[in-house]
Amino acid sequence: MMFKPCFRYKGMPISMLGLPDFGLYKTQSFRNSFSELKKKGYLTISENKAIISKAGKRYIQKKFNSMKQFSPSFPKDAPKNLIVMYDIPQERKAEREWFRFHLKKFGYKIIQKSVWVGPSPLPKEFVNYIKKIYLNDAVKVLKLAKPYQPDFFKF
């Protein structure tokens, strides 16, 4: 009962213990997936063993990095007095999407394509993590003298 699939997580049937059930998938699906991972250089397959390569380990680490979560520490009505500008290259699209997601989560608003305004300061753990994944050169932060007024030019 505990090992029989009874829940679904992201479309995958899992047991009460959270173990995935692969029985519903065709063998050819697994072969195709392993072949694709091997072609990309993420796996080396020999003697019925699959070994994760250095590139594969980097790929897995990148996926884990894209799942890292931070909580906002700002009240909803906090003054928007920090501008965040970024230029994260296309090759790092996952990190760029992750960065945007967190800006939204922190209550930041987009004012131009890669220019956001929101409360300050950014959480210390978030800033440290940006440095850890080498995004700090792609991100610039400016403190405003007065809070941002979105209706500045309304008459």
N, C-alpha and C. Protein backbone atom coordinates (compact mmCIF):
# COMPACT_ATOMS: atom_id res chain seq x y z
N MET A 1 0.82 -1.21 0.00
CA MET A 1 0.00 0.00 0.00
C MET A 1 0.87 1.27 0.00
N MET A 2 1.93 1.27 0.82
CA MET A 2 2.74 2.48 0.91
C MET A 2 3.58 2.68 -0.35
N PHE A 3 3.88 1.60 -1.07
CA PHE A 3 4.71 1.72 -2.26
C PHE A 3 3.89 1.82 -3.53
N LYS A 4 2.58 1.57 -3.43
CA LYS A 4 1.70 1.67 -4.59
C LYS A 4 1.44 3.15 -4.89
N PRO A 5 1.54 3.57 -6.17
CA PRO A 5 1.34 4.99 -6.47
C PRO A 5 -0.08 5.44 -6.12
N CYS A 6 -0.17 6.54 -5.38
CA CYS A 6 -1.48 7.06 -5.03
C CYS A 6 -1.54 8.58 -5.13
N PHE A 7 -0.41 9.21 -5.39
CA PHE A 7 -0.36 10.66 -5.56
C PHE A 7 0.36 10.98 -6.86
N ARG A 8 0.28 12.24 -7.24
CA ARG A 8 1.03 12.69 -8.42
C ARG A 8 1.80 13.93 -8.01
N TYR A 9 3.04 13.99 -8.48
CA TYR A 9 3.87 15.17 -8.27
C TYR A 9 4.43 15.56 -9.61
N LYS A 10 4.04 16.76 -10.09
CA LYS A 10 4.45 17.26 -11.40
C LYS A 10 4.18 16.23 -12.49
N GLY A 11 3.03 15.57 -12.41
CA GLY A 11 2.62 14.62 -13.44
C GLY A 11 3.14 13.22 -13.23
N MET A 12 4.05 13.01 -12.30
CA MET A 12 4.66 11.70 -12.06
C MET A 12 3.92 11.00 -10.93
N PRO A 13 3.46 9.75 -11.14
CA PRO A 13 2.83 9.03 -10.04
C PRO A 13 3.88 8.68 -8.96
N ILE A 14 3.52 8.96 -7.69
CA ILE A 14 4.44 8.67 -6.58
C ILE A 14 3.68 7.94 -5.48
N SER A 15 4.42 7.26 -4.61
CA SER A 15 3.84 6.54 -3.48
C SER A 15 3.70 7.49 -2.30
N MET A 16 3.16 6.96 -1.19
CA MET A 16 3.02 7.76 0.03
C MET A 16 4.38 8.18 0.56
N LEU A 17 5.42 7.42 0.22
CA LEU A 17 6.77 7.75 0.66
C LEU A 17 7.48 8.71 -0.29
N GLY A 18 6.81 9.10 -1.35
CA GLY A 18 7.39 10.04 -2.31
C GLY A 18 8.25 9.38 -3.36
N LEU A 19 8.21 8.05 -3.44
CA LEU A 19 9.02 7.33 -4.43
C LEU A 19 8.29 7.29 -5.76
N PRO A 20 8.96 7.61 -6.85
CA PRO A 20 8.30 7.61 -8.16
C PRO A 20 8.02 6.19 -8.64
N ASP A 21 6.97 6.05 -9.44
CA ASP A 21 6.63 4.77 -10.05
C ASP A 21 6.89 4.90 -11.54
N PHE A 22 7.92 4.21 -12.01
CA PHE A 22 8.30 4.27 -13.41
C PHE A 22 7.60 3.23 -14.26
N GLY A 23 6.79 2.37 -13.65
CA GLY A 23 6.14 1.26 -14.35
C GLY A 23 5.21 1.70 -15.48
N LEU A 24 4.72 2.91 -15.42
CA LEU A 24 3.77 3.38 -16.43
C LEU A 24 4.46 3.87 -17.70
N TYR A 25 5.79 3.97 -17.67
CA TYR A 25 6.52 4.50 -18.81
C TYR A 25 7.11 3.37 -19.64
N LYS A 26 7.13 3.57 -20.93
CA LYS A 26 7.67 2.57 -21.85
C LYS A 26 9.20 2.56 -21.78
N THR A 27 9.78 1.41 -22.00
CA THR A 27 11.23 1.26 -22.00
C THR A 27 11.87 2.17 -23.03
N GLN A 28 11.22 2.31 -24.18
CA GLN A 28 11.77 3.15 -25.24
C GLN A 28 11.87 4.61 -24.81
N SER A 29 10.95 5.06 -23.97
CA SER A 29 11.02 6.43 -23.47
C SER A 29 12.30 6.65 -22.66
N PHE A 30 12.65 5.67 -21.81
CA PHE A 30 13.87 5.77 -21.04
C PHE A 30 15.09 5.73 -21.96
N ARG A 31 15.07 4.86 -22.94
CA ARG A 31 16.20 4.76 -23.87
C ARG A 31 16.41 6.07 -24.61
N ASN A 32 15.32 6.67 -25.06
CA ASN A 32 15.41 7.95 -25.76
C ASN A 32 15.99 9.04 -24.85
N SER A 33 15.53 9.06 -23.60
CA SER A 33 16.02 10.07 -22.65
C SER A 33 17.50 9.88 -22.37
N PHE A 34 17.93 8.62 -22.14
CA PHE A 34 19.34 8.36 -21.88
C PHE A 34 20.19 8.70 -23.11
N SER A 35 19.66 8.40 -24.28
CA SER A 35 20.38 8.71 -25.51
C SER A 35 20.59 10.22 -25.67
N GLU A 36 19.56 10.98 -25.36
CA GLU A 36 19.64 12.44 -25.46
C GLU A 36 20.65 13.00 -24.45
N LEU A 37 20.62 12.48 -23.22
CA LEU A 37 21.57 12.93 -22.20
C LEU A 37 23.01 12.57 -22.58
N LYS A 38 23.18 11.40 -23.21
CA LYS A 38 24.50 10.97 -23.66
C LYS A 38 24.99 11.87 -24.80
N LYS A 39 24.08 12.18 -25.73
CA LYS A 39 24.44 13.03 -26.87
C LYS A 39 24.88 14.43 -26.41
N LYS A 40 24.24 14.94 -25.36
CA LYS A 40 24.59 16.27 -24.83
C LYS A 40 25.85 16.23 -23.98
N GLY A 41 26.36 15.02 -23.69
CA GLY A 41 27.58 14.90 -22.90
C GLY A 41 27.35 14.89 -21.41
N TYR A 42 26.12 14.70 -20.97
CA TYR A 42 25.81 14.68 -19.55
C TYR A 42 26.00 13.30 -18.93
N LEU A 43 25.96 12.25 -19.76
CA LEU A 43 26.10 10.87 -19.28
C LEU A 43 27.12 10.13 -20.13
N THR A 44 27.80 9.18 -19.50
CA THR A 44 28.57 8.20 -20.25
C THR A 44 27.99 6.85 -19.87
N ILE A 45 27.71 6.03 -20.86
CA ILE A 45 27.07 4.74 -20.61
C ILE A 45 28.03 3.64 -21.02
N SER A 46 28.32 2.73 -20.06
CA SER A 46 29.19 1.60 -20.35
C SER A 46 28.79 0.43 -19.45
N GLU A 47 28.83 -0.76 -20.02
CA GLU A 47 28.51 -1.99 -19.29
C GLU A 47 27.23 -1.87 -18.47
N ASN A 48 26.18 -1.38 -19.08
CA ASN A 48 24.87 -1.23 -18.43
C ASN A 48 24.90 -0.31 -17.22
N LYS A 49 25.86 0.62 -17.19
CA LYS A 49 25.93 1.63 -16.13
C LYS A 49 25.90 3.01 -16.77
N ALA A 50 25.21 3.90 -16.12
CA ALA A 50 25.20 5.29 -16.56
C ALA A 50 25.97 6.11 -15.53
N ILE A 51 26.97 6.86 -15.98
CA ILE A 51 27.79 7.68 -15.10
C ILE A 51 27.61 9.13 -15.50
N ILE A 52 27.34 9.98 -14.51
CA ILE A 52 27.14 11.40 -14.76
C ILE A 52 28.50 12.05 -14.99
N SER A 53 28.64 12.77 -16.10
CA SER A 53 29.89 13.45 -16.43
C SER A 53 30.00 14.77 -15.66
N LYS A 54 31.14 15.45 -15.80
CA LYS A 54 31.31 16.77 -15.17
C LYS A 54 30.28 17.76 -15.70
N ALA A 55 30.04 17.69 -17.02
CA ALA A 55 29.03 18.57 -17.63
C ALA A 55 27.64 18.24 -17.06
N GLY A 56 27.38 16.97 -16.83
CA GLY A 56 26.11 16.55 -16.25
C GLY A 56 25.95 17.07 -14.83
N LYS A 57 27.03 17.02 -14.06
CA LYS A 57 26.99 17.54 -12.69
C LYS A 57 26.75 19.05 -12.68
N ARG A 58 27.38 19.76 -13.63
CA ARG A 58 27.14 21.21 -13.74
C ARG A 58 25.68 21.47 -14.10
N TYR A 59 25.13 20.66 -15.02
CA TYR A 59 23.73 20.80 -15.43
C TYR A 59 22.79 20.58 -14.24
N ILE A 60 23.06 19.55 -13.44
CA ILE A 60 22.23 19.27 -12.27
C ILE A 60 22.34 20.42 -11.26
N GLN A 61 23.56 20.93 -11.04
CA GLN A 61 23.75 22.04 -10.12
C GLN A 61 22.99 23.28 -10.59
N LYS A 62 23.01 23.52 -11.88
CA LYS A 62 22.28 24.66 -12.46
C LYS A 62 20.78 24.51 -12.21
N LYS A 63 20.27 23.27 -12.35
CA LYS A 63 18.85 23.02 -12.09
C LYS A 63 18.52 23.26 -10.62
N PHE A 64 19.39 22.80 -9.71
CA PHE A 64 19.17 23.04 -8.29
C PHE A 64 19.20 24.53 -7.99
N ASN A 65 20.13 25.26 -8.62
CA ASN A 65 20.21 26.70 -8.41
C ASN A 65 18.93 27.40 -8.83
N SER A 66 18.31 26.92 -9.91
CA SER A 66 17.10 27.56 -10.40
C SER A 66 15.90 27.30 -9.49
N MET A 67 16.05 26.37 -8.56
CA MET A 67 14.94 26.06 -7.64
C MET A 67 15.12 26.72 -6.28
N LYS A 68 16.25 27.36 -6.01
CA LYS A 68 16.52 27.99 -4.72
C LYS A 68 15.49 29.10 -4.50
N GLN A 69 14.91 29.14 -3.30
CA GLN A 69 13.85 30.09 -3.00
C GLN A 69 14.26 31.03 -1.86
N PHE A 70 13.80 32.26 -1.95
CA PHE A 70 14.02 33.25 -0.91
C PHE A 70 12.68 33.89 -0.59
N SER A 71 12.49 34.25 0.67
CA SER A 71 11.23 34.85 1.09
C SER A 71 11.37 36.35 1.17
N PRO A 72 10.30 37.08 0.79
CA PRO A 72 10.36 38.54 0.90
C PRO A 72 10.30 38.96 2.37
N SER A 73 10.95 40.03 2.70
CA SER A 73 10.93 40.54 4.07
C SER A 73 10.36 41.95 4.12
N PHE A 74 9.60 42.31 3.09
CA PHE A 74 9.07 43.66 3.00
C PHE A 74 7.56 43.66 3.23
N PRO A 75 7.03 44.69 3.92
CA PRO A 75 5.57 44.83 3.96
C PRO A 75 5.05 45.25 2.58
N LYS A 76 3.80 44.94 2.31
CA LYS A 76 3.20 45.23 1.00
C LYS A 76 3.31 46.71 0.62
N ASP A 77 3.20 47.60 1.62
CA ASP A 77 3.19 49.04 1.34
C ASP A 77 4.57 49.69 1.51
N ALA A 78 5.64 48.91 1.49
CA ALA A 78 6.99 49.45 1.65
C ALA A 78 7.31 50.40 0.50
N PRO A 79 7.99 51.52 0.78
CA PRO A 79 8.32 52.46 -0.30
C PRO A 79 9.28 51.82 -1.30
N LYS A 80 9.05 52.11 -2.55
CA LYS A 80 9.88 51.57 -3.63
C LYS A 80 11.01 52.55 -3.90
N ASN A 81 12.16 52.28 -3.27
CA ASN A 81 13.27 53.22 -3.34
C ASN A 81 14.58 52.56 -3.79
N LEU A 82 14.48 51.47 -4.54
CA LEU A 82 15.67 50.80 -5.04
C LEU A 82 15.43 50.41 -6.50
N ILE A 83 16.36 50.75 -7.36
CA ILE A 83 16.27 50.35 -8.76
C ILE A 83 17.25 49.20 -8.99
N VAL A 84 16.76 48.12 -9.60
CA VAL A 84 17.59 46.97 -9.94
C VAL A 84 17.61 46.87 -11.46
N MET A 85 18.82 46.93 -12.02
CA MET A 85 19.00 46.78 -13.47
C MET A 85 19.86 45.54 -13.69
N TYR A 86 19.54 44.78 -14.72
CA TYR A 86 20.34 43.59 -14.98
C TYR A 86 20.46 43.33 -16.47
N ASP A 87 21.52 42.64 -16.81
CA ASP A 87 21.75 42.21 -18.18
C ASP A 87 22.33 40.79 -18.10
N ILE A 88 21.43 39.83 -17.90
CA ILE A 88 21.83 38.43 -17.77
C ILE A 88 21.76 37.81 -19.15
N PRO A 89 22.88 37.26 -19.66
CA PRO A 89 22.92 36.76 -21.04
C PRO A 89 21.95 35.61 -21.32
N GLN A 90 21.65 35.43 -22.58
CA GLN A 90 20.72 34.40 -23.04
C GLN A 90 21.17 33.00 -22.62
N GLU A 91 22.48 32.76 -22.56
CA GLU A 91 22.98 31.44 -22.17
C GLU A 91 22.59 31.09 -20.74
N ARG A 92 22.24 32.10 -19.96
CA ARG A 92 21.85 31.88 -18.56
C ARG A 92 20.38 32.20 -18.36
N LYS A 93 19.57 31.75 -19.31
CA LYS A 93 18.14 32.05 -19.31
C LYS A 93 17.45 31.56 -18.03
N ALA A 94 17.80 30.37 -17.55
CA ALA A 94 17.18 29.83 -16.34
C ALA A 94 17.43 30.74 -15.15
N GLU A 95 18.65 31.23 -15.02
CA GLU A 95 18.97 32.14 -13.91
C GLU A 95 18.23 33.46 -14.06
N ARG A 96 18.10 33.93 -15.30
CA ARG A 96 17.38 35.19 -15.55
C ARG A 96 15.91 35.05 -15.14
N GLU A 97 15.28 33.94 -15.50
CA GLU A 97 13.88 33.70 -15.12
C GLU A 97 13.75 33.60 -13.61
N TRP A 98 14.71 32.90 -12.99
CA TRP A 98 14.73 32.77 -11.53
C TRP A 98 14.85 34.15 -10.88
N PHE A 99 15.73 34.99 -11.41
CA PHE A 99 15.94 36.33 -10.87
C PHE A 99 14.67 37.16 -10.98
N ARG A 100 14.03 37.15 -12.14
CA ARG A 100 12.77 37.89 -12.34
C ARG A 100 11.69 37.41 -11.38
N PHE A 101 11.58 36.09 -11.22
CA PHE A 101 10.59 35.51 -10.32
C PHE A 101 10.76 36.08 -8.91
N HIS A 102 12.01 36.15 -8.45
CA HIS A 102 12.23 36.65 -7.10
C HIS A 102 11.99 38.15 -6.99
N LEU A 103 12.32 38.91 -8.02
CA LEU A 103 12.00 40.34 -7.97
C LEU A 103 10.50 40.54 -7.81
N LYS A 104 9.70 39.78 -8.56
CA LYS A 104 8.24 39.86 -8.43
C LYS A 104 7.81 39.47 -7.02
N LYS A 105 8.42 38.40 -6.52
CA LYS A 105 8.09 37.89 -5.18
C LYS A 105 8.40 38.93 -4.10
N PHE A 106 9.47 39.73 -4.31
CA PHE A 106 9.86 40.76 -3.36
C PHE A 106 9.02 42.03 -3.50
N GLY A 107 8.09 42.07 -4.45
CA GLY A 107 7.23 43.23 -4.62
C GLY A 107 7.77 44.26 -5.59
N TYR A 108 8.74 43.89 -6.40
CA TYR A 108 9.30 44.80 -7.39
C TYR A 108 8.38 44.90 -8.60
N LYS A 109 8.41 46.07 -9.23
CA LYS A 109 7.61 46.32 -10.44
C LYS A 109 8.55 46.65 -11.58
N ILE A 110 8.20 46.16 -12.76
CA ILE A 110 9.01 46.43 -13.94
C ILE A 110 8.67 47.83 -14.45
N ILE A 111 9.72 48.63 -14.71
CA ILE A 111 9.49 49.96 -15.28
C ILE A 111 10.06 50.05 -16.69
N GLN A 112 10.92 49.13 -17.04
CA GLN A 112 11.46 49.01 -18.38
C GLN A 112 11.99 47.58 -18.49
N LYS A 113 12.33 47.13 -19.68
CA LYS A 113 12.62 45.71 -19.91
C LYS A 113 13.45 45.03 -18.81
N SER A 114 14.60 45.53 -18.49
CA SER A 114 15.44 44.91 -17.46
C SER A 114 15.69 45.88 -16.31
N VAL A 115 14.73 46.75 -16.07
CA VAL A 115 14.83 47.73 -14.99
C VAL A 115 13.61 47.58 -14.09
N TRP A 116 13.86 47.30 -12.82
CA TRP A 116 12.79 47.07 -11.85
C TRP A 116 12.98 48.02 -10.68
N VAL A 117 11.87 48.37 -10.03
CA VAL A 117 11.92 49.23 -8.85
C VAL A 117 11.15 48.55 -7.73
N GLY A 118 11.70 48.65 -6.51
CA GLY A 118 11.05 48.03 -5.37
C GLY A 118 11.69 48.47 -4.07
N PRO A 119 11.26 47.82 -2.98
CA PRO A 119 11.76 48.21 -1.66
C PRO A 119 13.22 47.81 -1.45
N SER A 120 13.86 48.50 -0.54
CA SER A 120 15.26 48.20 -0.24
C SER A 120 15.40 47.87 1.24
N PRO A 121 16.49 47.24 1.58
CA PRO A 121 17.50 46.60 0.73
C PRO A 121 17.03 45.21 0.31
N LEU A 122 17.67 44.66 -0.72
CA LEU A 122 17.41 43.28 -1.10
C LEU A 122 17.86 42.38 0.06
N PRO A 123 17.17 41.26 0.29
CA PRO A 123 17.59 40.37 1.38
C PRO A 123 19.06 39.94 1.24
N LYS A 124 19.77 39.96 2.35
CA LYS A 124 21.20 39.67 2.37
C LYS A 124 21.50 38.27 1.80
N GLU A 125 20.67 37.28 2.14
CA GLU A 125 20.89 35.92 1.64
C GLU A 125 20.76 35.88 0.12
N PHE A 126 19.81 36.66 -0.41
CA PHE A 126 19.59 36.73 -1.85
C PHE A 126 20.81 37.34 -2.55
N VAL A 127 21.33 38.42 -2.00
CA VAL A 127 22.51 39.09 -2.57
C VAL A 127 23.72 38.15 -2.52
N ASN A 128 23.90 37.46 -1.40
CA ASN A 128 25.01 36.51 -1.28
C ASN A 128 24.88 35.38 -2.29
N TYR A 129 23.66 34.92 -2.51
CA TYR A 129 23.45 33.84 -3.46
C TYR A 129 23.72 34.30 -4.89
N ILE A 130 23.36 35.53 -5.21
CA ILE A 130 23.65 36.09 -6.54
C ILE A 130 25.16 36.10 -6.78
N LYS A 131 25.92 36.44 -5.74
CA LYS A 131 27.38 36.41 -5.85
C LYS A 131 27.87 34.98 -6.05
N LYS A 132 27.27 34.05 -5.32
CA LYS A 132 27.69 32.64 -5.38
C LYS A 132 27.51 32.05 -6.78
N ILE A 133 26.44 32.45 -7.47
CA ILE A 133 26.18 31.91 -8.82
C ILE A 133 26.71 32.85 -9.91
N TYR A 134 27.54 33.79 -9.52
CA TYR A 134 28.25 34.68 -10.44
C TYR A 134 27.32 35.54 -11.31
N LEU A 135 26.28 36.08 -10.70
CA LEU A 135 25.41 37.03 -11.39
C LEU A 135 25.69 38.47 -10.97
N ASN A 136 26.55 38.66 -9.97
CA ASN A 136 26.75 40.01 -9.44
C ASN A 136 27.28 41.00 -10.47
N ASP A 137 28.04 40.55 -11.47
CA ASP A 137 28.52 41.47 -12.51
C ASP A 137 27.42 41.86 -13.49
N ALA A 138 26.35 41.07 -13.54
CA ALA A 138 25.25 41.34 -14.47
C ALA A 138 24.13 42.16 -13.82
N VAL A 139 24.25 42.45 -12.53
CA VAL A 139 23.19 43.15 -11.79
C VAL A 139 23.75 44.43 -11.19
N LYS A 140 23.02 45.52 -11.39
CA LYS A 140 23.38 46.81 -10.81
C LYS A 140 22.21 47.30 -9.96
N VAL A 141 22.53 47.87 -8.81
CA VAL A 141 21.51 48.33 -7.87
C VAL A 141 21.76 49.79 -7.56
N LEU A 142 20.70 50.61 -7.65
CA LEU A 142 20.80 52.04 -7.36
C LEU A 142 19.77 52.41 -6.30
N LYS A 143 20.19 53.13 -5.28
CA LYS A 143 19.29 53.60 -4.23
C LYS A 143 18.74 54.96 -4.64
N LEU A 144 17.42 55.12 -4.60
CA LEU A 144 16.78 56.39 -4.95
C LEU A 144 16.75 57.33 -3.74
N ALA A 145 16.89 58.62 -3.98
CA ALA A 145 16.83 59.61 -2.91
C ALA A 145 15.40 59.74 -2.38
N LYS A 146 14.41 59.59 -3.29
CA LYS A 146 13.00 59.64 -2.92
C LYS A 146 12.33 58.38 -3.45
N PRO A 147 11.26 57.91 -2.78
CA PRO A 147 10.56 56.73 -3.30
C PRO A 147 10.01 56.97 -4.71
N TYR A 148 9.99 55.90 -5.47
CA TYR A 148 9.51 55.93 -6.85
C TYR A 148 8.04 56.31 -6.88
N GLN A 149 7.69 57.24 -7.79
CA GLN A 149 6.31 57.69 -7.99
C GLN A 149 5.87 57.28 -9.39
N PRO A 150 5.10 56.21 -9.55
CA PRO A 150 4.74 55.76 -10.90
C PRO A 150 3.84 56.74 -11.65
N ASP A 151 3.13 57.61 -10.93
CA ASP A 151 2.23 58.57 -11.58
C ASP A 151 2.89 59.94 -11.72
N PHE A 152 4.19 59.96 -11.85
CA PHE A 152 4.96 61.21 -11.89
C PHE A 152 4.49 62.15 -12.99
N PHE A 153 4.19 61.62 -14.20
CA PHE A 153 3.86 62.47 -15.33
C PHE A 153 2.35 62.60 -15.57
N LYS A 154 1.53 62.11 -14.64
CA LYS A 154 0.07 62.29 -14.79
C LYS A 154 -0.31 63.71 -14.46
N PHE A 155 -1.18 64.28 -15.30
CA PHE A 155 -1.64 65.66 -15.06
C PHE A 155 -3.10 65.67 -14.78
